Structure formats: structure tokens, C-alpha cells
Amino acid sequence: MNYLVLLRHGQSQWNLENRFTGFHDIDLSDLGRAEAKGAGERLKKAGIQFDQVFTSTLQRAYHTAEIALREAGQGNLPLIKHDDLRERDYGDLTGLNKDETRAKYGEEQVHIWRRSYEVRPPGGECLQDVVENRVRPYFNTQIKPLMEKKKNILVAAHGNSLRALLIILGAETPETINKAEMETGVPVVFEMDGLKILKRYALDHQKAA
């Protein structure tokens, strides 16, 4: 058996301020750093030892990986950073407060921009773009070969790039993905047989108790 662990970064300063973040390179909030530390503590308790770590080039993701790995006693592992694992590009919405954006464009339109698989926000990406243009090609060339060799992999990235991975793995579909929430700082563990999913669960606070 091998492990694939997906870890959404801890709360960022713009998460705290309820803004669309996308490609903007904002760092973790104090709570975000605490969430990353808690993730590392739970990974250590679970006894998962990683062979390789992938993360995006945005600091909220790779700082989460660094903090979590340090807490898990695996701080010596190098990080492979790549733009393809970045958050979805929110285009013209980047930096805008979500509540103010709903007031301006309407609740329904903002919901479509946020949750539609195929509809892009102005100047940005839809989730399908993230899956097909970035994450799937990167997964197929960099991550999949290691999983086939039954290596233990950590991917520390963003809500939408990790949701893209759920679709690529076959754990979700474009029709079910909206129900798959990736909580900040909560590792989602896949017990695998190579590329076959055996079990999926979150290492949340309840499991750590």
C-alpha cells in the first residue's frame, strides 16, 4: 500500500479578509500557520512517511508544506514547486471582497463563477481549465509515475488545484466536485494500491483526539 495525501494550505491573509485570491501570492495568517502545524502533528501521529513532496510556487502553499513537514519530523524533504499546481486564476475578481462582489454582480452570477465546472470568471480560469490545462498534464508526467512505484506522496496546494486532482484520480466527477470541500490545513489521505484508491479520509481534529 502507498499513500497520497492532499493538503490545502492553511488560512491565508486574504482568506481571512474574504477576498478572491487566485494567483496573488499572499502569505499565511497566524491561524494558517497554526493550521499547518496541526496538520503536521496529525501526519506524525498517523505515521505517514513521505518519499516526495509537491507544492505550488505560491508561498501560502509551500510555507504550509514546510511547517507541516517540520512538525511531522520530515523537514529535510525537498519540495518540488511548480506553477501548474497554483490556485485557479480568478482573473478580474482577484483581490475583490466576495460579499461586495455578490452585491455588485448578484448572488447567482458569483455562485456560477465560483462553482461552475465550465464557466470562467472574467479574465480567469474555470475548474475545467485547471484540470485539463495544468494539473492533469503535471500529474501524468510527475506524480503518476511515482504512485505507480508505490511511493508515498504529499501534495500541498490550493482548494481548486486539489479539487482538480480529485477529478483526475476518479475520486470525484465534474458533477460531484462541488460537494467536495477541501478544508484549510486538513490532510486528506488516500490509501492506495498504486493508482487504485482503497480508502479516503480526512485527518481532522476529531481523528487526532
N, C-alpha and C. Protein backbone atom coordinates (compact mmCIF):
# COMPACT_ATOMS: atom_id res chain seq x y z
N MET A 1 0.83 -1.20 0.00
CA MET A 1 0.00 0.00 0.00
C MET A 1 0.87 1.25 0.00
N ASN A 2 0.40 2.28 -0.70
CA ASN A 2 1.07 3.57 -0.69
C ASN A 2 0.07 4.66 -0.34
N TYR A 3 0.59 5.82 0.06
CA TYR A 3 -0.25 6.94 0.48
C TYR A 3 -0.13 8.10 -0.50
N LEU A 4 -1.26 8.74 -0.76
CA LEU A 4 -1.29 10.05 -1.40
C LEU A 4 -2.05 10.96 -0.45
N VAL A 5 -1.39 12.04 -0.03
CA VAL A 5 -2.01 12.98 0.91
C VAL A 5 -2.14 14.34 0.23
N LEU A 6 -3.36 14.88 0.23
CA LEU A 6 -3.64 16.20 -0.33
C LEU A 6 -3.84 17.17 0.83
N LEU A 7 -3.10 18.26 0.82
CA LEU A 7 -3.16 19.23 1.91
C LEU A 7 -3.39 20.62 1.35
N ARG A 8 -4.58 21.17 1.62
CA ARG A 8 -4.82 22.56 1.25
C ARG A 8 -4.08 23.46 2.24
N HIS A 9 -3.51 24.52 1.72
CA HIS A 9 -2.76 25.45 2.58
C HIS A 9 -3.63 25.95 3.73
N GLY A 10 -2.98 26.37 4.80
CA GLY A 10 -3.69 26.98 5.91
C GLY A 10 -4.29 28.32 5.49
N GLN A 11 -5.10 28.87 6.36
CA GLN A 11 -5.76 30.14 6.05
C GLN A 11 -4.73 31.21 5.65
N SER A 12 -5.00 31.88 4.54
CA SER A 12 -4.14 33.00 4.13
C SER A 12 -4.75 34.31 4.62
N GLN A 13 -3.98 35.38 4.51
CA GLN A 13 -4.47 36.68 4.93
C GLN A 13 -5.70 37.10 4.13
N TRP A 14 -5.72 36.74 2.85
CA TRP A 14 -6.88 37.10 2.02
C TRP A 14 -8.05 36.15 2.25
N ASN A 15 -7.81 34.91 2.66
CA ASN A 15 -8.92 34.07 3.13
C ASN A 15 -9.60 34.76 4.31
N LEU A 16 -8.77 35.25 5.22
CA LEU A 16 -9.26 35.93 6.41
C LEU A 16 -10.09 37.16 6.04
N GLU A 17 -9.65 37.87 5.00
CA GLU A 17 -10.33 39.09 4.57
C GLU A 17 -11.47 38.81 3.56
N ASN A 18 -11.73 37.51 3.28
CA ASN A 18 -12.82 37.09 2.40
C ASN A 18 -12.65 37.62 0.97
N ARG A 19 -11.41 37.57 0.46
CA ARG A 19 -11.15 38.04 -0.89
C ARG A 19 -10.86 36.87 -1.82
N PHE A 20 -11.15 37.07 -3.12
CA PHE A 20 -10.70 36.13 -4.14
C PHE A 20 -9.18 36.26 -4.27
N THR A 21 -8.48 35.14 -4.12
CA THR A 21 -7.02 35.20 -4.07
C THR A 21 -6.37 34.77 -5.37
N GLY A 22 -6.73 33.59 -5.88
CA GLY A 22 -6.18 33.14 -7.16
C GLY A 22 -4.67 33.11 -7.19
N PHE A 23 -4.09 33.72 -8.23
CA PHE A 23 -2.64 33.70 -8.42
C PHE A 23 -1.90 34.67 -7.49
N HIS A 24 -2.62 35.54 -6.78
CA HIS A 24 -1.94 36.52 -5.93
C HIS A 24 -1.17 35.80 -4.83
N ASP A 25 0.08 36.20 -4.64
CA ASP A 25 0.98 35.46 -3.74
C ASP A 25 0.94 36.04 -2.34
N ILE A 26 -0.11 35.71 -1.62
CA ILE A 26 -0.30 36.20 -0.25
C ILE A 26 0.12 35.10 0.73
N ASP A 27 0.66 35.51 1.88
CA ASP A 27 1.16 34.53 2.84
C ASP A 27 0.07 34.07 3.80
N LEU A 28 0.44 33.13 4.65
CA LEU A 28 -0.46 32.59 5.66
C LEU A 28 -0.76 33.62 6.74
N SER A 29 -1.96 33.52 7.30
CA SER A 29 -2.29 34.27 8.51
C SER A 29 -1.73 33.52 9.71
N ASP A 30 -1.85 34.11 10.88
CA ASP A 30 -1.42 33.42 12.10
C ASP A 30 -2.18 32.11 12.27
N LEU A 31 -3.50 32.15 12.00
CA LEU A 31 -4.30 30.92 12.08
C LEU A 31 -3.82 29.91 11.05
N GLY A 32 -3.47 30.38 9.85
CA GLY A 32 -2.99 29.49 8.81
C GLY A 32 -1.72 28.75 9.21
N ARG A 33 -0.81 29.46 9.86
CA ARG A 33 0.42 28.80 10.34
C ARG A 33 0.10 27.77 11.42
N ALA A 34 -0.86 28.10 12.28
CA ALA A 34 -1.29 27.14 13.31
C ALA A 34 -1.95 25.92 12.68
N GLU A 35 -2.74 26.14 11.63
CA GLU A 35 -3.38 25.02 10.93
C GLU A 35 -2.34 24.11 10.29
N ALA A 36 -1.31 24.71 9.69
CA ALA A 36 -0.25 23.91 9.07
C ALA A 36 0.50 23.09 10.12
N LYS A 37 0.73 23.70 11.26
CA LYS A 37 1.40 22.97 12.35
C LYS A 37 0.54 21.81 12.83
N GLY A 38 -0.77 22.06 12.97
CA GLY A 38 -1.67 20.98 13.37
C GLY A 38 -1.72 19.85 12.37
N ALA A 39 -1.66 20.20 11.08
CA ALA A 39 -1.64 19.16 10.04
C ALA A 39 -0.42 18.28 10.18
N GLY A 40 0.72 18.91 10.44
CA GLY A 40 1.96 18.15 10.63
C GLY A 40 1.89 17.23 11.84
N GLU A 41 1.30 17.72 12.90
CA GLU A 41 1.16 16.89 14.11
C GLU A 41 0.30 15.66 13.84
N ARG A 42 -0.77 15.84 13.06
CA ARG A 42 -1.65 14.70 12.77
C ARG A 42 -1.00 13.73 11.79
N LEU A 43 -0.21 14.26 10.85
CA LEU A 43 0.52 13.37 9.94
C LEU A 43 1.55 12.54 10.71
N LYS A 44 2.19 13.16 11.68
CA LYS A 44 3.16 12.43 12.50
C LYS A 44 2.47 11.32 13.30
N LYS A 45 1.32 11.65 13.88
CA LYS A 45 0.57 10.66 14.65
C LYS A 45 0.11 9.51 13.77
N ALA A 46 -0.23 9.83 12.50
CA ALA A 46 -0.68 8.79 11.57
C ALA A 46 0.48 7.92 11.08
N GLY A 47 1.71 8.39 11.28
CA GLY A 47 2.88 7.59 10.92
C GLY A 47 3.17 7.52 9.43
N ILE A 48 2.72 8.54 8.69
CA ILE A 48 2.94 8.53 7.24
C ILE A 48 4.27 9.18 6.91
N GLN A 49 5.16 8.42 6.28
CA GLN A 49 6.47 8.91 5.86
C GLN A 49 6.46 9.14 4.35
N PHE A 50 6.80 10.35 3.94
CA PHE A 50 6.71 10.70 2.52
C PHE A 50 8.02 10.45 1.78
N ASP A 51 7.87 10.04 0.52
CA ASP A 51 9.01 9.90 -0.38
C ASP A 51 9.23 11.15 -1.22
N GLN A 52 8.13 11.87 -1.53
CA GLN A 52 8.25 13.06 -2.37
C GLN A 52 7.14 14.04 -2.01
N VAL A 53 7.47 15.33 -2.12
CA VAL A 53 6.52 16.39 -1.79
C VAL A 53 6.41 17.35 -2.97
N PHE A 54 5.18 17.58 -3.41
CA PHE A 54 4.90 18.53 -4.49
C PHE A 54 4.10 19.69 -3.93
N THR A 55 4.40 20.89 -4.40
CA THR A 55 3.66 22.06 -3.94
C THR A 55 3.65 23.10 -5.05
N SER A 56 2.83 24.12 -4.86
CA SER A 56 2.78 25.17 -5.87
C SER A 56 3.86 26.20 -5.58
N THR A 57 4.00 27.16 -6.48
CA THR A 57 5.01 28.20 -6.35
C THR A 57 4.50 29.39 -5.52
N LEU A 58 3.28 29.29 -4.99
CA LEU A 58 2.74 30.35 -4.15
C LEU A 58 3.07 30.07 -2.69
N GLN A 59 3.51 31.11 -1.97
CA GLN A 59 4.09 30.90 -0.65
C GLN A 59 3.11 30.34 0.37
N ARG A 60 1.82 30.61 0.24
CA ARG A 60 0.89 30.05 1.21
C ARG A 60 0.84 28.53 1.15
N ALA A 61 1.14 27.97 -0.04
CA ALA A 61 1.17 26.51 -0.19
C ALA A 61 2.49 25.93 0.29
N TYR A 62 3.61 26.49 -0.19
CA TYR A 62 4.87 25.85 0.21
C TYR A 62 5.25 26.15 1.65
N HIS A 63 4.80 27.28 2.21
CA HIS A 63 5.03 27.50 3.65
C HIS A 63 4.22 26.51 4.48
N THR A 64 3.01 26.19 4.03
CA THR A 64 2.22 25.16 4.71
C THR A 64 2.95 23.83 4.69
N ALA A 65 3.50 23.46 3.53
CA ALA A 65 4.24 22.20 3.43
C ALA A 65 5.46 22.21 4.35
N GLU A 66 6.20 23.30 4.38
CA GLU A 66 7.40 23.39 5.22
C GLU A 66 7.05 23.26 6.70
N ILE A 67 6.03 23.97 7.14
CA ILE A 67 5.63 23.90 8.55
C ILE A 67 5.13 22.51 8.92
N ALA A 68 4.27 21.94 8.06
CA ALA A 68 3.70 20.62 8.35
C ALA A 68 4.79 19.55 8.39
N LEU A 69 5.69 19.59 7.43
CA LEU A 69 6.76 18.59 7.40
C LEU A 69 7.68 18.71 8.60
N ARG A 70 7.97 19.94 8.99
CA ARG A 70 8.82 20.15 10.17
C ARG A 70 8.16 19.55 11.41
N GLU A 71 6.87 19.77 11.57
CA GLU A 71 6.14 19.22 12.71
C GLU A 71 6.06 17.70 12.64
N ALA A 72 6.03 17.17 11.43
CA ALA A 72 5.93 15.71 11.25
C ALA A 72 7.29 15.02 11.36
N GLY A 73 8.35 15.81 11.61
CA GLY A 73 9.69 15.25 11.71
C GLY A 73 10.31 14.89 10.38
N GLN A 74 9.82 15.54 9.28
CA GLN A 74 10.32 15.26 7.94
C GLN A 74 10.75 16.55 7.23
N GLY A 75 11.25 17.48 8.02
CA GLY A 75 11.60 18.79 7.50
C GLY A 75 12.77 18.80 6.54
N ASN A 76 13.46 17.67 6.41
CA ASN A 76 14.61 17.60 5.49
C ASN A 76 14.19 17.26 4.06
N LEU A 77 12.92 16.96 3.83
CA LEU A 77 12.47 16.59 2.48
C LEU A 77 12.45 17.82 1.58
N PRO A 78 13.01 17.71 0.38
CA PRO A 78 12.95 18.84 -0.56
C PRO A 78 11.56 18.98 -1.15
N LEU A 79 11.20 20.22 -1.48
CA LEU A 79 9.90 20.48 -2.10
C LEU A 79 10.08 20.67 -3.60
N ILE A 80 9.23 20.03 -4.39
CA ILE A 80 9.18 20.27 -5.82
C ILE A 80 8.04 21.26 -6.07
N LYS A 81 8.40 22.49 -6.47
CA LYS A 81 7.41 23.55 -6.67
C LYS A 81 7.14 23.73 -8.16
N HIS A 82 5.86 23.91 -8.51
CA HIS A 82 5.54 24.13 -9.92
C HIS A 82 4.30 25.01 -10.08
N ASP A 83 4.34 25.88 -11.10
CA ASP A 83 3.22 26.77 -11.38
C ASP A 83 1.93 26.02 -11.69
N ASP A 84 2.03 24.81 -12.23
CA ASP A 84 0.83 24.07 -12.62
C ASP A 84 -0.05 23.71 -11.43
N LEU A 85 0.51 23.74 -10.22
CA LEU A 85 -0.25 23.40 -9.03
C LEU A 85 -0.80 24.64 -8.32
N ARG A 86 -0.66 25.81 -8.95
CA ARG A 86 -1.20 27.03 -8.35
C ARG A 86 -2.73 27.00 -8.29
N GLU A 87 -3.26 27.91 -7.49
CA GLU A 87 -4.70 28.07 -7.39
C GLU A 87 -5.28 28.48 -8.75
N ARG A 88 -6.55 28.29 -8.90
CA ARG A 88 -7.26 28.77 -10.09
C ARG A 88 -7.11 30.29 -10.21
N ASP A 89 -6.95 30.76 -11.44
CA ASP A 89 -6.85 32.20 -11.71
C ASP A 89 -8.25 32.80 -11.73
N TYR A 90 -8.52 33.69 -10.78
CA TYR A 90 -9.84 34.32 -10.72
C TYR A 90 -9.94 35.57 -11.59
N GLY A 91 -8.90 35.88 -12.34
CA GLY A 91 -8.97 36.97 -13.30
C GLY A 91 -9.34 38.29 -12.68
N ASP A 92 -10.39 38.93 -13.22
CA ASP A 92 -10.79 40.26 -12.77
C ASP A 92 -11.36 40.27 -11.35
N LEU A 93 -11.69 39.09 -10.82
CA LEU A 93 -12.22 39.02 -9.45
C LEU A 93 -11.11 39.04 -8.40
N THR A 94 -9.87 38.80 -8.81
CA THR A 94 -8.75 38.70 -7.86
C THR A 94 -8.65 39.96 -7.01
N GLY A 95 -8.62 39.75 -5.70
CA GLY A 95 -8.49 40.86 -4.76
C GLY A 95 -9.81 41.43 -4.29
N LEU A 96 -10.92 41.09 -4.99
CA LEU A 96 -12.22 41.64 -4.60
C LEU A 96 -12.79 40.90 -3.40
N ASN A 97 -13.47 41.64 -2.55
CA ASN A 97 -14.19 41.03 -1.43
C ASN A 97 -15.38 40.24 -1.97
N LYS A 98 -15.57 39.03 -1.49
CA LYS A 98 -16.61 38.15 -2.04
C LYS A 98 -18.01 38.70 -1.79
N ASP A 99 -18.24 39.26 -0.60
CA ASP A 99 -19.57 39.81 -0.32
C ASP A 99 -19.86 41.03 -1.19
N GLU A 100 -18.86 41.90 -1.37
CA GLU A 100 -19.05 43.07 -2.22
C GLU A 100 -19.27 42.66 -3.67
N THR A 101 -18.60 41.58 -4.11
CA THR A 101 -18.76 41.09 -5.48
C THR A 101 -20.17 40.55 -5.68
N ARG A 102 -20.73 39.87 -4.67
CA ARG A 102 -22.11 39.38 -4.75
C ARG A 102 -23.09 40.56 -4.84
N ALA A 103 -22.81 41.60 -4.08
CA ALA A 103 -23.69 42.78 -4.11
C ALA A 103 -23.65 43.45 -5.49
N LYS A 104 -22.50 43.42 -6.14
CA LYS A 104 -22.34 44.08 -7.43
C LYS A 104 -22.91 43.26 -8.58
N TYR A 105 -22.62 41.96 -8.60
CA TYR A 105 -22.99 41.12 -9.75
C TYR A 105 -24.18 40.21 -9.49
N GLY A 106 -24.54 40.05 -8.22
CA GLY A 106 -25.64 39.16 -7.87
C GLY A 106 -25.14 37.83 -7.34
N GLU A 107 -25.89 37.29 -6.39
CA GLU A 107 -25.52 36.02 -5.75
C GLU A 107 -25.40 34.89 -6.76
N GLU A 108 -26.37 34.82 -7.68
CA GLU A 108 -26.40 33.70 -8.63
C GLU A 108 -25.20 33.73 -9.58
N GLN A 109 -24.86 34.93 -10.09
CA GLN A 109 -23.74 35.03 -11.02
C GLN A 109 -22.42 34.67 -10.33
N VAL A 110 -22.21 35.15 -9.13
CA VAL A 110 -20.97 34.85 -8.40
C VAL A 110 -20.90 33.36 -8.08
N HIS A 111 -22.04 32.76 -7.74
CA HIS A 111 -22.06 31.31 -7.48
C HIS A 111 -21.65 30.54 -8.72
N ILE A 112 -22.14 30.98 -9.89
CA ILE A 112 -21.76 30.31 -11.15
C ILE A 112 -20.25 30.45 -11.38
N TRP A 113 -19.72 31.65 -11.20
CA TRP A 113 -18.28 31.84 -11.39
C TRP A 113 -17.45 30.98 -10.45
N ARG A 114 -17.93 30.84 -9.21
CA ARG A 114 -17.17 30.10 -8.21
C ARG A 114 -17.29 28.59 -8.38
N ARG A 115 -18.47 28.11 -8.78
CA ARG A 115 -18.73 26.68 -8.70
C ARG A 115 -18.98 25.97 -10.03
N SER A 116 -19.22 26.72 -11.10
CA SER A 116 -19.43 26.05 -12.38
C SER A 116 -18.14 25.38 -12.84
N TYR A 117 -18.25 24.20 -13.40
CA TYR A 117 -17.07 23.49 -13.89
C TYR A 117 -16.53 24.13 -15.16
N GLU A 118 -17.42 24.72 -15.98
CA GLU A 118 -17.02 25.16 -17.32
C GLU A 118 -17.11 26.67 -17.56
N VAL A 119 -17.70 27.42 -16.63
CA VAL A 119 -17.87 28.87 -16.85
C VAL A 119 -16.74 29.63 -16.17
N ARG A 120 -16.05 30.44 -16.96
CA ARG A 120 -14.90 31.20 -16.44
C ARG A 120 -15.36 32.55 -15.86
N PRO A 121 -14.75 32.99 -14.75
CA PRO A 121 -14.95 34.38 -14.34
C PRO A 121 -14.25 35.29 -15.35
N PRO A 122 -14.60 36.57 -15.41
CA PRO A 122 -13.98 37.46 -16.40
C PRO A 122 -12.45 37.46 -16.30
N GLY A 123 -11.80 37.09 -17.41
CA GLY A 123 -10.35 37.10 -17.45
C GLY A 123 -9.67 35.97 -16.69
N GLY A 124 -10.44 34.98 -16.20
CA GLY A 124 -9.86 33.94 -15.37
C GLY A 124 -10.05 32.53 -15.91
N GLU A 125 -9.88 31.55 -15.03
CA GLU A 125 -9.99 30.14 -15.38
C GLU A 125 -11.23 29.53 -14.74
N CYS A 126 -11.82 28.57 -15.41
CA CYS A 126 -12.80 27.69 -14.77
C CYS A 126 -12.06 26.46 -14.26
N LEU A 127 -12.76 25.64 -13.47
CA LEU A 127 -12.12 24.45 -12.91
C LEU A 127 -11.68 23.49 -14.02
N GLN A 128 -12.46 23.41 -15.08
CA GLN A 128 -12.07 22.54 -16.21
C GLN A 128 -10.72 22.96 -16.78
N ASP A 129 -10.47 24.27 -16.87
CA ASP A 129 -9.17 24.76 -17.33
C ASP A 129 -8.05 24.26 -16.42
N VAL A 130 -8.29 24.34 -15.11
CA VAL A 130 -7.27 23.92 -14.14
C VAL A 130 -6.98 22.43 -14.31
N VAL A 131 -8.05 21.63 -14.48
CA VAL A 131 -7.89 20.18 -14.65
C VAL A 131 -7.11 19.86 -15.92
N GLU A 132 -7.61 20.35 -17.05
CA GLU A 132 -7.10 19.88 -18.34
C GLU A 132 -5.83 20.59 -18.80
N ASN A 133 -5.69 21.86 -18.48
CA ASN A 133 -4.54 22.62 -18.99
C ASN A 133 -3.32 22.56 -18.09
N ARG A 134 -3.55 22.28 -16.81
CA ARG A 134 -2.42 22.36 -15.88
C ARG A 134 -2.21 21.09 -15.05
N VAL A 135 -3.23 20.75 -14.25
CA VAL A 135 -3.00 19.72 -13.24
C VAL A 135 -2.91 18.32 -13.85
N ARG A 136 -3.78 18.00 -14.82
CA ARG A 136 -3.70 16.66 -15.41
C ARG A 136 -2.36 16.40 -16.11
N PRO A 137 -1.87 17.32 -16.97
CA PRO A 137 -0.57 17.07 -17.59
C PRO A 137 0.56 16.94 -16.55
N TYR A 138 0.50 17.77 -15.50
CA TYR A 138 1.55 17.69 -14.48
C TYR A 138 1.46 16.37 -13.70
N PHE A 139 0.25 15.98 -13.35
CA PHE A 139 0.05 14.72 -12.64
C PHE A 139 0.58 13.55 -13.47
N ASN A 140 0.23 13.53 -14.74
CA ASN A 140 0.60 12.39 -15.60
C ASN A 140 2.11 12.25 -15.77
N THR A 141 2.82 13.37 -15.81
CA THR A 141 4.27 13.30 -16.05
C THR A 141 5.10 13.22 -14.78
N GLN A 142 4.61 13.82 -13.68
CA GLN A 142 5.44 13.94 -12.47
C GLN A 142 4.98 13.09 -11.29
N ILE A 143 3.69 13.02 -11.05
CA ILE A 143 3.18 12.36 -9.84
C ILE A 143 2.78 10.91 -10.11
N LYS A 144 2.07 10.68 -11.19
CA LYS A 144 1.59 9.33 -11.52
C LYS A 144 2.70 8.29 -11.57
N PRO A 145 3.86 8.58 -12.21
CA PRO A 145 4.91 7.55 -12.25
C PRO A 145 5.40 7.14 -10.86
N LEU A 146 5.42 8.07 -9.91
CA LEU A 146 5.85 7.73 -8.55
C LEU A 146 4.78 6.91 -7.83
N MET A 147 3.52 7.23 -8.07
CA MET A 147 2.45 6.45 -7.47
C MET A 147 2.44 5.02 -8.01
N GLU A 148 2.74 4.87 -9.29
CA GLU A 148 2.81 3.53 -9.88
C GLU A 148 3.92 2.71 -9.22
N LYS A 149 4.94 3.39 -8.72
CA LYS A 149 6.03 2.72 -8.00
C LYS A 149 5.72 2.59 -6.50
N LYS A 150 4.50 2.97 -6.13
CA LYS A 150 4.01 2.88 -4.75
C LYS A 150 4.81 3.75 -3.78
N LYS A 151 5.16 4.94 -4.23
CA LYS A 151 5.80 5.92 -3.36
C LYS A 151 4.72 6.69 -2.60
N ASN A 152 5.09 7.19 -1.43
CA ASN A 152 4.18 8.00 -0.62
C ASN A 152 4.36 9.47 -0.99
N ILE A 153 3.26 10.11 -1.39
CA ILE A 153 3.31 11.45 -1.96
C ILE A 153 2.48 12.42 -1.13
N LEU A 154 3.03 13.62 -0.90
CA LEU A 154 2.28 14.73 -0.33
C LEU A 154 2.16 15.81 -1.39
N VAL A 155 0.93 16.28 -1.63
CA VAL A 155 0.70 17.43 -2.50
C VAL A 155 0.09 18.53 -1.65
N ALA A 156 0.85 19.59 -1.42
CA ALA A 156 0.38 20.75 -0.66
C ALA A 156 0.07 21.86 -1.64
N ALA A 157 -1.21 22.18 -1.80
CA ALA A 157 -1.58 23.12 -2.85
C ALA A 157 -2.81 23.92 -2.42
N HIS A 158 -3.77 24.08 -3.31
CA HIS A 158 -4.87 25.01 -3.12
C HIS A 158 -6.21 24.31 -3.32
N GLY A 159 -7.27 24.97 -2.87
CA GLY A 159 -8.59 24.36 -2.96
C GLY A 159 -8.92 23.84 -4.34
N ASN A 160 -8.70 24.66 -5.37
CA ASN A 160 -9.10 24.26 -6.72
C ASN A 160 -8.10 23.34 -7.40
N SER A 161 -6.81 23.50 -7.17
CA SER A 161 -5.87 22.56 -7.79
C SER A 161 -5.99 21.18 -7.15
N LEU A 162 -6.36 21.13 -5.86
CA LEU A 162 -6.59 19.83 -5.22
C LEU A 162 -7.93 19.23 -5.64
N ARG A 163 -8.94 20.07 -5.84
CA ARG A 163 -10.21 19.56 -6.37
C ARG A 163 -10.01 19.01 -7.78
N ALA A 164 -9.13 19.65 -8.54
CA ALA A 164 -8.78 19.12 -9.86
C ALA A 164 -8.17 17.73 -9.74
N LEU A 165 -7.30 17.55 -8.76
CA LEU A 165 -6.69 16.23 -8.55
C LEU A 165 -7.74 15.18 -8.19
N LEU A 166 -8.75 15.56 -7.41
CA LEU A 166 -9.81 14.61 -7.07
C LEU A 166 -10.50 14.09 -8.32
N ILE A 167 -10.71 14.98 -9.29
CA ILE A 167 -11.32 14.56 -10.56
C ILE A 167 -10.37 13.65 -11.34
N ILE A 168 -9.11 14.02 -11.41
CA ILE A 168 -8.12 13.24 -12.16
C ILE A 168 -7.96 11.84 -11.56
N LEU A 169 -8.03 11.74 -10.24
CA LEU A 169 -7.91 10.45 -9.57
C LEU A 169 -9.15 9.59 -9.75
N GLY A 170 -10.25 10.21 -10.17
CA GLY A 170 -11.52 9.48 -10.26
C GLY A 170 -12.26 9.42 -8.95
N ALA A 171 -11.79 10.19 -7.95
CA ALA A 171 -12.47 10.21 -6.66
C ALA A 171 -13.71 11.07 -6.69
N GLU A 172 -13.77 12.03 -7.63
CA GLU A 172 -14.94 12.87 -7.85
C GLU A 172 -15.13 13.03 -9.36
N THR A 173 -16.28 13.55 -9.74
CA THR A 173 -16.58 13.84 -11.14
C THR A 173 -16.92 15.32 -11.25
N PRO A 174 -16.98 15.87 -12.47
CA PRO A 174 -17.42 17.26 -12.60
C PRO A 174 -18.79 17.51 -11.99
N GLU A 175 -19.61 16.46 -11.90
CA GLU A 175 -20.95 16.61 -11.34
C GLU A 175 -20.94 16.59 -9.81
N THR A 176 -19.98 15.92 -9.20
CA THR A 176 -19.96 15.79 -7.73
C THR A 176 -18.94 16.71 -7.06
N ILE A 177 -18.08 17.35 -7.84
CA ILE A 177 -16.93 18.04 -7.24
C ILE A 177 -17.34 19.20 -6.34
N ASN A 178 -18.49 19.83 -6.60
CA ASN A 178 -18.91 20.95 -5.77
C ASN A 178 -19.17 20.57 -4.33
N LYS A 179 -19.46 19.30 -4.10
CA LYS A 179 -19.72 18.84 -2.73
C LYS A 179 -18.44 18.46 -2.00
N ALA A 180 -17.32 18.45 -2.72
CA ALA A 180 -16.04 18.04 -2.12
C ALA A 180 -15.30 19.27 -1.62
N GLU A 181 -15.45 19.56 -0.35
CA GLU A 181 -14.77 20.71 0.24
C GLU A 181 -13.38 20.31 0.73
N MET A 182 -12.41 21.15 0.42
CA MET A 182 -11.05 20.95 0.93
C MET A 182 -10.83 21.99 2.02
N GLU A 183 -10.84 21.55 3.27
CA GLU A 183 -10.67 22.48 4.39
C GLU A 183 -9.21 22.90 4.52
N THR A 184 -9.02 24.15 4.92
CA THR A 184 -7.64 24.63 5.09
C THR A 184 -6.95 23.86 6.22
N GLY A 185 -5.75 23.39 5.90
CA GLY A 185 -4.91 22.74 6.91
C GLY A 185 -5.35 21.36 7.34
N VAL A 186 -6.25 20.72 6.59
CA VAL A 186 -6.72 19.37 6.94
C VAL A 186 -6.22 18.37 5.89
N PRO A 187 -5.29 17.48 6.25
CA PRO A 187 -4.82 16.49 5.28
C PRO A 187 -5.91 15.51 4.88
N VAL A 188 -6.05 15.29 3.58
CA VAL A 188 -6.96 14.27 3.05
C VAL A 188 -6.10 13.10 2.58
N VAL A 189 -6.29 11.96 3.20
CA VAL A 189 -5.43 10.79 2.98
C VAL A 189 -6.11 9.80 2.04
N PHE A 190 -5.37 9.37 1.04
CA PHE A 190 -5.81 8.27 0.18
C PHE A 190 -4.87 7.10 0.41
N GLU A 191 -5.43 6.01 0.87
CA GLU A 191 -4.67 4.75 0.91
C GLU A 191 -4.82 4.11 -0.46
N MET A 192 -3.69 3.83 -1.10
CA MET A 192 -3.69 3.42 -2.50
C MET A 192 -3.03 2.06 -2.69
N ASP A 193 -3.39 1.41 -3.77
CA ASP A 193 -2.64 0.28 -4.30
C ASP A 193 -2.16 0.73 -5.67
N GLY A 194 -1.01 1.38 -5.68
CA GLY A 194 -0.54 2.02 -6.91
C GLY A 194 -1.42 3.21 -7.24
N LEU A 195 -2.25 3.07 -8.28
CA LEU A 195 -3.17 4.14 -8.68
C LEU A 195 -4.62 3.85 -8.27
N LYS A 196 -4.85 2.72 -7.62
CA LYS A 196 -6.20 2.33 -7.21
C LYS A 196 -6.48 2.82 -5.80
N ILE A 197 -7.60 3.54 -5.64
CA ILE A 197 -7.97 4.06 -4.33
C ILE A 197 -8.59 2.95 -3.49
N LEU A 198 -8.00 2.72 -2.31
CA LEU A 198 -8.53 1.74 -1.38
C LEU A 198 -9.40 2.40 -0.31
N LYS A 199 -8.98 3.58 0.14
CA LYS A 199 -9.68 4.26 1.23
C LYS A 199 -9.36 5.75 1.17
N ARG A 200 -10.32 6.58 1.59
CA ARG A 200 -10.15 8.03 1.61
C ARG A 200 -10.71 8.59 2.91
N TYR A 201 -9.93 9.41 3.59
CA TYR A 201 -10.41 10.00 4.84
C TYR A 201 -9.62 11.26 5.16
N ALA A 202 -10.19 12.10 6.00
CA ALA A 202 -9.53 13.34 6.40
C ALA A 202 -8.91 13.15 7.79
N LEU A 203 -7.69 13.67 7.95
CA LEU A 203 -7.06 13.69 9.28
C LEU A 203 -7.46 14.99 9.96
N ASP A 204 -8.72 15.00 10.42
CA ASP A 204 -9.21 16.22 11.05
C ASP A 204 -8.99 16.17 12.55
N HIS A 205 -9.50 17.18 13.25
CA HIS A 205 -9.26 17.28 14.68
C HIS A 205 -9.89 16.13 15.44
N GLN A 206 -11.03 15.63 14.94
CA GLN A 206 -11.70 14.52 15.62
C GLN A 206 -10.85 13.26 15.58
N LYS A 207 -10.22 13.01 14.41
CA LYS A 207 -9.37 11.82 14.30
C LYS A 207 -8.13 11.94 15.19
N ALA A 208 -7.69 13.19 15.41
CA ALA A 208 -6.49 13.39 16.21
C ALA A 208 -6.78 13.23 17.70
N ALA A 209 -8.04 13.34 18.10
CA ALA A 209 -8.40 13.28 19.51
C ALA A 209 -8.25 11.88 20.08
